[in-house]
Amino acid sequence: MVGDCVQFYFSLMSKDTIAEGAAVSFSTVPTQARCRQCAKVFEVKESDWICPECHSVSVELVAGNELFVESIEVE
């Protein structure tokens, strides 16, 4: 799980700093998509991005991308 990796590296990087011992917590939001053809909102399972209603592949992400880590730098 991504959260476990982030916690591991946060603990490693925060050692001997003011952040040592701080906790990182995550709330996961199920990935949901909306079909651009029929407007059906559905939960995405694995890599199944096909609308269960009309079988269109034209979908847009509407939930599940609330956190995006662009980069992490360590010196």
PDB file of N, CA and C in Angstrom:
ATOM      1  N   MET A   1       0.837  -1.180   0.000  1.00  0.00           N
ATOM      2  CA  MET A   1       0.000   0.000   0.000  1.00  0.00           C
ATOM      3  C   MET A   1       0.885   1.248   0.000  1.00  0.00           C
ATOM      4  N   VAL A   2       0.457   2.249  -0.721  1.00  0.00           N
ATOM      5  CA  VAL A   2       1.223   3.488  -0.837  1.00  0.00           C
ATOM      6  C   VAL A   2       1.387   4.145   0.534  1.00  0.00           C
ATOM      7  N   GLY A   3       0.343   4.132   1.341  1.00  0.00           N
ATOM      8  CA  GLY A   3       0.401   4.742   2.672  1.00  0.00           C
ATOM      9  C   GLY A   3       1.492   4.151   3.540  1.00  0.00           C
ATOM     10  N   ASP A   4       1.684   2.841   3.470  1.00  0.00           N
ATOM     11  CA  ASP A   4       2.736   2.178   4.245  1.00  0.00           C
ATOM     12  C   ASP A   4       4.116   2.654   3.802  1.00  0.00           C
ATOM     13  N   CYS A   5       4.304   2.804   2.495  1.00  0.00           N
ATOM     14  CA  CYS A   5       5.587   3.287   1.968  1.00  0.00           C
ATOM     15  C   CYS A   5       5.855   4.715   2.408  1.00  0.00           C
ATOM     16  N   VAL A   6       4.844   5.565   2.315  1.00  0.00           N
ATOM     17  CA  VAL A   6       5.006   6.959   2.726  1.00  0.00           C
ATOM     18  C   VAL A   6       5.343   7.027   4.209  1.00  0.00           C
ATOM     19  N   GLN A   7       4.637   6.255   5.043  1.00  0.00           N
ATOM     20  CA  GLN A   7       4.916   6.249   6.484  1.00  0.00           C
ATOM     21  C   GLN A   7       6.336   5.796   6.761  1.00  0.00           C
ATOM     22  N   PHE A   8       6.790   4.757   6.070  1.00  0.00           N
ATOM     23  CA  PHE A   8       8.150   4.246   6.272  1.00  0.00           C
ATOM     24  C   PHE A   8       9.185   5.331   5.966  1.00  0.00           C
ATOM     25  N   TYR A   9       9.060   5.956   4.798  1.00  0.00           N
ATOM     26  CA  TYR A   9      10.045   6.968   4.410  1.00  0.00           C
ATOM     27  C   TYR A   9       9.918   8.241   5.239  1.00  0.00           C
ATOM     28  N   PHE A  10       8.707   8.590   5.658  1.00  0.00           N
ATOM     29  CA  PHE A  10       8.545   9.753   6.533  1.00  0.00           C
ATOM     30  C   PHE A  10       9.266   9.499   7.852  1.00  0.00           C
ATOM     31  N   SER A  11       9.096   8.315   8.417  1.00  0.00           N
ATOM     32  CA  SER A  11       9.778   7.969   9.670  1.00  0.00           C
ATOM     33  C   SER A  11      11.287   8.010   9.501  1.00  0.00           C
ATOM     34  N   LEU A  12      11.767   7.514   8.373  1.00  0.00           N
ATOM     35  CA  LEU A  12      13.195   7.507   8.092  1.00  0.00           C
ATOM     36  C   LEU A  12      13.744   8.928   7.947  1.00  0.00           C
ATOM     37  N   MET A  13      13.036   9.757   7.180  1.00  0.00           N
ATOM     38  CA  MET A  13      13.512  11.121   6.923  1.00  0.00           C
ATOM     39  C   MET A  13      13.357  12.044   8.130  1.00  0.00           C
ATOM     40  N   SER A  14      12.403  11.765   8.997  1.00  0.00           N
ATOM     41  CA  SER A  14      12.170  12.668  10.122  1.00  0.00           C
ATOM     42  C   SER A  14      13.050  12.350  11.335  1.00  0.00           C
ATOM     43  N   LYS A  15      13.786  11.260  11.269  1.00  0.00           N
ATOM     44  CA  LYS A  15      14.656  10.887  12.385  1.00  0.00           C
ATOM     45  C   LYS A  15      15.636  12.020  12.706  1.00  0.00           C
ATOM     46  N   ASP A  16      15.758  12.312  13.991  1.00  0.00           N
ATOM     47  CA  ASP A  16      16.638  13.362  14.509  1.00  0.00           C
ATOM     48  C   ASP A  16      16.226  14.760  14.044  1.00  0.00           C
ATOM     49  N   THR A  17      14.948  14.946  13.723  1.00  0.00           N
ATOM     50  CA  THR A  17      14.419  16.266  13.393  1.00  0.00           C
ATOM     51  C   THR A  17      13.255  16.563  14.323  1.00  0.00           C
ATOM     52  N   ILE A  18      12.732  17.765  14.237  1.00  0.00           N
ATOM     53  CA  ILE A  18      11.590  18.142  15.054  1.00  0.00           C
ATOM     54  C   ILE A  18      10.357  17.293  14.729  1.00  0.00           C
ATOM     55  N   ALA A  19      10.339  16.700  13.546  1.00  0.00           N
ATOM     56  CA  ALA A  19       9.202  15.878  13.133  1.00  0.00           C
ATOM     57  C   ALA A  19       9.307  14.419  13.589  1.00  0.00           C
ATOM     58  N   GLU A  20      10.420  14.064  14.246  1.00  0.00           N
ATOM     59  CA  GLU A  20      10.577  12.676  14.683  1.00  0.00           C
ATOM     60  C   GLU A  20       9.436  12.286  15.626  1.00  0.00           C
ATOM     61  N   GLY A  21       8.849  11.149  15.369  1.00  0.00           N
ATOM     62  CA  GLY A  21       7.744  10.665  16.196  1.00  0.00           C
ATOM     63  C   GLY A  21       6.378  11.129  15.725  1.00  0.00           C
ATOM     64  N   ALA A  22       6.348  12.038  14.761  1.00  0.00           N
ATOM     65  CA  ALA A  22       5.067  12.508  14.235  1.00  0.00           C
ATOM     66  C   ALA A  22       4.414  11.381  13.440  1.00  0.00           C
ATOM     67  N   ALA A  23       3.106  11.408  13.411  1.00  0.00           N
ATOM     68  CA  ALA A  23       2.365  10.372  12.683  1.00  0.00           C
ATOM     69  C   ALA A  23       1.822  10.928  11.374  1.00  0.00           C
ATOM     70  N   VAL A  24       1.750  10.075  10.397  1.00  0.00           N
ATOM     71  CA  VAL A  24       1.144  10.413   9.121  1.00  0.00           C
ATOM     72  C   VAL A  24      -0.071   9.507   8.977  1.00  0.00           C
ATOM     73  N   SER A  25      -1.194  10.095   8.639  1.00  0.00           N
ATOM     74  CA  SER A  25      -2.385   9.261   8.473  1.00  0.00           C
ATOM     75  C   SER A  25      -3.004   9.507   7.109  1.00  0.00           C
ATOM     76  N   PHE A  26      -3.711   8.509   6.633  1.00  0.00           N
ATOM     77  CA  PHE A  26      -4.307   8.553   5.309  1.00  0.00           C
ATOM     78  C   PHE A  26      -5.774   8.147   5.387  1.00  0.00           C
ATOM     79  N   SER A  27      -6.570   8.788   4.599  1.00  0.00           N
ATOM     80  CA  SER A  27      -7.950   8.364   4.381  1.00  0.00           C
ATOM     81  C   SER A  27      -8.067   8.078   2.898  1.00  0.00           C
ATOM     82  N   THR A  28      -8.429   6.876   2.582  1.00  0.00           N
ATOM     83  CA  THR A  28      -8.542   6.540   1.168  1.00  0.00           C
ATOM     84  C   THR A  28      -9.975   6.746   0.691  1.00  0.00           C
ATOM     85  N   VAL A  29     -10.084   7.241  -0.499  1.00  0.00           N
ATOM     86  CA  VAL A  29     -11.380   7.489  -1.124  1.00  0.00           C
ATOM     87  C   VAL A  29     -11.477   6.547  -2.318  1.00  0.00           C
ATOM     88  N   PRO A  30     -12.560   5.798  -2.419  1.00  0.00           N
ATOM     89  CA  PRO A  30     -12.686   4.902  -3.581  1.00  0.00           C
ATOM     90  C   PRO A  30     -12.625   5.691  -4.893  1.00  0.00           C
ATOM     91  N   THR A  31     -11.945   5.131  -5.868  1.00  0.00           N
ATOM     92  CA  THR A  31     -11.854   5.771  -7.169  1.00  0.00           C
ATOM     93  C   THR A  31     -13.200   5.652  -7.882  1.00  0.00           C
ATOM     94  N   GLN A  32     -13.731   6.806  -8.290  1.00  0.00           N
ATOM     95  CA  GLN A  32     -14.992   6.824  -9.005  1.00  0.00           C
ATOM     96  C   GLN A  32     -14.824   7.574 -10.320  1.00  0.00           C
ATOM     97  N   ALA A  33     -15.566   7.124 -11.302  1.00  0.00           N
ATOM     98  CA  ALA A  33     -15.534   7.752 -12.614  1.00  0.00           C
ATOM     99  C   ALA A  33     -16.962   8.067 -13.056  1.00  0.00           C
ATOM    100  N   ARG A  34     -17.076   9.042 -13.962  1.00  0.00           N
ATOM    101  CA  ARG A  34     -18.368   9.392 -14.557  1.00  0.00           C
ATOM    102  C   ARG A  34     -18.259   9.162 -16.058  1.00  0.00           C
ATOM    103  N   CYS A  35     -19.242   8.479 -16.572  1.00  0.00           N
ATOM    104  CA  CYS A  35     -19.291   8.212 -18.011  1.00  0.00           C
ATOM    105  C   CYS A  35     -19.663   9.497 -18.742  1.00  0.00           C
ATOM    106  N   ARG A  36     -18.909   9.825 -19.760  1.00  0.00           N
ATOM    107  CA  ARG A  36     -19.199  11.021 -20.544  1.00  0.00           C
ATOM    108  C   ARG A  36     -20.374  10.809 -21.497  1.00  0.00           C
ATOM    109  N   GLN A  37     -20.763   9.565 -21.725  1.00  0.00           N
ATOM    110  CA  GLN A  37     -21.870   9.264 -22.630  1.00  0.00           C
ATOM    111  C   GLN A  37     -23.220   9.274 -21.912  1.00  0.00           C
ATOM    112  N   CYS A  38     -23.318   8.554 -20.770  1.00  0.00           N
ATOM    113  CA  CYS A  38     -24.615   8.410 -20.095  1.00  0.00           C
ATOM    114  C   CYS A  38     -24.658   9.040 -18.702  1.00  0.00           C
ATOM    115  N   ALA A  39     -23.543   9.607 -18.230  1.00  0.00           N
ATOM    116  CA  ALA A  39     -23.425  10.294 -16.941  1.00  0.00           C
ATOM    117  C   ALA A  39     -23.485   9.362 -15.727  1.00  0.00           C
ATOM    118  N   LYS A  40     -23.418   8.074 -15.920  1.00  0.00           N
ATOM    119  CA  LYS A  40     -23.399   7.107 -14.821  1.00  0.00           C
ATOM    120  C   LYS A  40     -22.108   7.282 -14.033  1.00  0.00           C
ATOM    121  N   VAL A  41     -22.226   7.387 -12.691  1.00  0.00           N
ATOM    122  CA  VAL A  41     -21.065   7.441 -11.810  1.00  0.00           C
ATOM    123  C   VAL A  41     -20.888   6.038 -11.235  1.00  0.00           C
ATOM    124  N   PHE A  42     -19.665   5.518 -11.317  1.00  0.00           N
ATOM    125  CA  PHE A  42     -19.407   4.154 -10.852  1.00  0.00           C
ATOM    126  C   PHE A  42     -18.030   4.064 -10.217  1.00  0.00           C
ATOM    127  N   GLU A  43     -17.884   3.073  -9.327  1.00  0.00           N
ATOM    128  CA  GLU A  43     -16.606   2.832  -8.674  1.00  0.00           C
ATOM    129  C   GLU A  43     -15.709   2.030  -9.614  1.00  0.00           C
ATOM    130  N   VAL A  44     -14.488   2.495  -9.777  1.00  0.00           N
ATOM    131  CA  VAL A  44     -13.527   1.836 -10.653  1.00  0.00           C
ATOM    132  C   VAL A  44     -12.882   0.685  -9.886  1.00  0.00           C
ATOM    133  N   LYS A  45     -12.890  -0.475 -10.473  1.00  0.00           N
ATOM    134  CA  LYS A  45     -12.261  -1.666  -9.900  1.00  0.00           C
ATOM    135  C   LYS A  45     -11.023  -2.006 -10.714  1.00  0.00           C
ATOM    136  N   GLU A  46      -9.871  -2.077 -10.019  1.00  0.00           N
ATOM    137  CA  GLU A  46      -8.605  -2.393 -10.670  1.00  0.00           C
ATOM    138  C   GLU A  46      -8.391  -1.517 -11.901  1.00  0.00           C
ATOM    139  N   SER A  47      -8.334  -2.117 -13.055  1.00  0.00           N
ATOM    140  CA  SER A  47      -8.111  -1.342 -14.274  1.00  0.00           C
ATOM    141  C   SER A  47      -9.346  -1.368 -15.183  1.00  0.00           C
ATOM    142  N   ASP A  48     -10.510  -1.600 -14.590  1.00  0.00           N
ATOM    143  CA  ASP A  48     -11.758  -1.668 -15.347  1.00  0.00           C
ATOM    144  C   ASP A  48     -12.395  -0.285 -15.433  1.00  0.00           C
ATOM    145  N   TRP A  49     -12.066   0.454 -16.471  1.00  0.00           N
ATOM    146  CA  TRP A  49     -12.541   1.830 -16.666  1.00  0.00           C
ATOM    147  C   TRP A  49     -13.667   1.893 -17.695  1.00  0.00           C
ATOM    148  N   ILE A  50     -14.438   0.836 -17.812  1.00  0.00           N
ATOM    149  CA  ILE A  50     -15.543   0.786 -18.763  1.00  0.00           C
ATOM    150  C   ILE A  50     -16.847   1.020 -18.016  1.00  0.00           C
ATOM    151  N   CYS A  51     -17.687   1.877 -18.546  1.00  0.00           N
ATOM    152  CA  CYS A  51     -18.974   2.176 -17.921  1.00  0.00           C
ATOM    153  C   CYS A  51     -19.813   0.903 -17.827  1.00  0.00           C
ATOM    154  N   PRO A  52     -20.300   0.562 -16.635  1.00  0.00           N
ATOM    155  CA  PRO A  52     -21.110  -0.646 -16.497  1.00  0.00           C
ATOM    156  C   PRO A  52     -22.510  -0.493 -17.097  1.00  0.00           C
ATOM    157  N   GLU A  53     -22.924   0.745 -17.360  1.00  0.00           N
ATOM    158  CA  GLU A  53     -24.261   1.012 -17.892  1.00  0.00           C
ATOM    159  C   GLU A  53     -24.306   0.919 -19.417  1.00  0.00           C
ATOM    160  N   CYS A  54     -23.433   1.690 -20.089  1.00  0.00           N
ATOM    161  CA  CYS A  54     -23.485   1.742 -21.559  1.00  0.00           C
ATOM    162  C   CYS A  54     -22.225   1.178 -22.229  1.00  0.00           C
ATOM    163  N   HIS A  55     -21.250   0.769 -21.412  1.00  0.00           N
ATOM    164  CA  HIS A  55     -20.012   0.140 -21.879  1.00  0.00           C
ATOM    165  C   HIS A  55     -19.089   1.084 -22.648  1.00  0.00           C
ATOM    166  N   SER A  56     -19.266   2.365 -22.433  1.00  0.00           N
ATOM    167  CA  SER A  56     -18.375   3.347 -23.052  1.00  0.00           C
ATOM    168  C   SER A  56     -17.038   3.360 -22.314  1.00  0.00           C
ATOM    169  N   VAL A  57     -15.987   3.706 -23.024  1.00  0.00           N
ATOM    170  CA  VAL A  57     -14.672   3.869 -22.400  1.00  0.00           C
ATOM    171  C   VAL A  57     -14.344   5.355 -22.220  1.00  0.00           C
ATOM    172  N   SER A  58     -15.282   6.215 -22.560  1.00  0.00           N
ATOM    173  CA  SER A  58     -15.095   7.660 -22.406  1.00  0.00           C
ATOM    174  C   SER A  58     -15.568   8.070 -21.018  1.00  0.00           C
ATOM    175  N   VAL A  59     -14.631   8.043 -20.054  1.00  0.00           N
ATOM    176  CA  VAL A  59     -14.973   8.341 -18.667  1.00  0.00           C
ATOM    177  C   VAL A  59     -14.021   9.389 -18.115  1.00  0.00           C
ATOM    178  N   GLU A  60     -14.463  10.053 -17.045  1.00  0.00           N
ATOM    179  CA  GLU A  60     -13.601  11.022 -16.359  1.00  0.00           C
ATOM    180  C   GLU A  60     -13.568  10.692 -14.877  1.00  0.00           C
ATOM    181  N   LEU A  61     -12.438  10.897 -14.258  1.00  0.00           N
ATOM    182  CA  LEU A  61     -12.253  10.639 -12.847  1.00  0.00           C
ATOM    183  C   LEU A  61     -12.960  11.710 -12.032  1.00  0.00           C
ATOM    184  N   VAL A  62     -13.801  11.307 -11.061  1.00  0.00           N
ATOM    185  CA  VAL A  62     -14.525  12.280 -10.247  1.00  0.00           C
ATOM    186  C   VAL A  62     -14.210  12.138  -8.758  1.00  0.00           C
ATOM    187  N   ALA A  63     -13.577  11.054  -8.342  1.00  0.00           N
ATOM    188  CA  ALA A  63     -13.183  10.868  -6.936  1.00  0.00           C
ATOM    189  C   ALA A  63     -12.032   9.879  -6.879  1.00  0.00           C
ATOM    190  N   GLY A  64     -11.220  10.030  -5.853  1.00  0.00           N
ATOM    191  CA  GLY A  64     -10.113   9.109  -5.668  1.00  0.00           C
ATOM    192  C   GLY A  64      -8.764   9.679  -6.035  1.00  0.00           C
ATOM    193  N   ASN A  65      -8.747  10.927  -6.470  1.00  0.00           N
ATOM    194  CA  ASN A  65      -7.467  11.555  -6.802  1.00  0.00           C
ATOM    195  C   ASN A  65      -7.243  12.807  -5.950  1.00  0.00           C
ATOM    196  N   GLU A  66      -7.757  12.786  -4.735  1.00  0.00           N
ATOM    197  CA  GLU A  66      -7.672  13.972  -3.874  1.00  0.00           C
ATOM    198  C   GLU A  66      -6.258  14.309  -3.427  1.00  0.00           C
ATOM    199  N   LEU A  67      -5.369  13.364  -3.454  1.00  0.00           N
ATOM    200  CA  LEU A  67      -3.984  13.616  -3.068  1.00  0.00           C
ATOM    201  C   LEU A  67      -3.078  13.193  -4.202  1.00  0.00           C
ATOM    202  N   PHE A  68      -2.205  14.097  -4.590  1.00  0.00           N
ATOM    203  CA  PHE A  68      -1.258  13.789  -5.639  1.00  0.00           C
ATOM    204  C   PHE A  68       0.095  14.281  -5.176  1.00  0.00           C
ATOM    205  N   VAL A  69       1.053  13.392  -5.057  1.00  0.00           N
ATOM    206  CA  VAL A  69       2.416  13.764  -4.677  1.00  0.00           C
ATOM    207  C   VAL A  69       3.207  13.922  -5.955  1.00  0.00           C
ATOM    208  N   GLU A  70       3.608  15.154  -6.224  1.00  0.00           N
ATOM    209  CA  GLU A  70       4.341  15.412  -7.450  1.00  0.00           C
ATOM    210  C   GLU A  70       5.802  15.042  -7.315  1.00  0.00           C
ATOM    211  N   SER A  71       6.393  15.373  -6.172  1.00  0.00           N
ATOM    212  CA  SER A  71       7.794  15.004  -5.965  1.00  0.00           C
ATOM    213  C   SER A  71       8.141  15.080  -4.490  1.00  0.00           C
ATOM    214  N   ILE A  72       9.157  14.346  -4.133  1.00  0.00           N
ATOM    215  CA  ILE A  72       9.722  14.383  -2.785  1.00  0.00           C
ATOM    216  C   ILE A  72      11.222  14.483  -2.940  1.00  0.00           C
ATOM    217  N   GLU A  73      11.802  15.451  -2.268  1.00  0.00           N
ATOM    218  CA  GLU A  73      13.257  15.630  -2.353  1.00  0.00           C
ATOM    219  C   GLU A  73      13.874  15.420  -0.988  1.00  0.00           C
ATOM    220  N   VAL A  74      14.995  14.725  -0.960  1.00  0.00           N
ATOM    221  CA  VAL A  74      15.715  14.465   0.277  1.00  0.00           C
ATOM    222  C   VAL A  74      17.152  14.904   0.076  1.00  0.00           C
ATOM    223  N   GLU A  75      17.663  15.640   1.028  1.00  0.00           N
ATOM    224  CA  GLU A  75      19.074  16.068   0.945  1.00  0.00           C
ATOM    225  C   GLU A  75      19.895  15.352   1.973  1.00  0.00           C
TER     226      GLU A  75
END
